[in-house]
Amino acid sequence: MRPASQDKIAHGGEGRESKPAGEPRDRRDSRWDAHRAQRRQELVDATLAAVGKHGAGVGMEEIAAEAGTSKTVVYRHFADRAELHVAVCNRVASQLLPKLREAIESNAQPRHMVAAAIETYLAFVEADPELYRFVVHPPQPDRPDPLTSLADLVGEQAAAAVSVALQQSGRDVAAAAPWGHGVVGLVRSAADWWLRAERPMLRSELAAHLTELAWSGLSTIGTHPQEEK
């Protein structure tokens, strides 16, 4: 039988007894929640720093050392590596998605919109290849969650933009999700190759090639259905 303290850690507990449902929370609970949220953000910061030092394959020991603590403490705040990975993805997404949104919304021409979004994504890849590798390759692929990986979050953003374009053209928006995620998959696969091949071409050249390929399929978005007949 495991000690009670280990059971609490394994289940994400903090060594405190939970209050019965419906019982009012006191100020100590609120302060603890704030402390726990702050500590989680600090551990995400430490993970980003550890990835910068040790690469995408960084271990939990190295993350804990960067945070100046132990793995046991890390697991008090994150149930496992997969949950920590989700938190890091959310942090990166909170920085990348506004840039993608700005790139899309700052261009009136659909082709320029696609080009700007692809360029923005590739700029993120080039700026920190190890962080990119860390966030797009989850530690437990058998536990998928539609909105926890960066690729899925970016795919949702792309799908939303495609949906608006389809609506404005009077077309069926059912294609928005597969097209949006498809373009992201295209760019991600090419970005993975680009890094593995040690960047055999300039980022701008890769972006131009991907824009040309993606636009070959997306160029019909601005066409009214009757014009295709």
Foldseek 3Di string as FASTA:
>chain_A
DDDPVVVCLLVLHDPDDDDPPPDDDDVVVVVVVVVLVVVLVLLLVLVVVLCVVPFLPDDLQSSQVSSVHGSSVVSNNPNDVQRNLLVNLVVVLVVQVVQLVCLQVVDPDPLSNLLSNLLSVLVVCVVRVRSVVNQQDGPDVVDDDQPRGNLSVQLVSQLVSLLVLLVVLVHDSPCSNVLSSVLSVVSVVVSVVCVVVVNPDDSSVVSVVSSVVSCVVVVCSNPRPVVVD
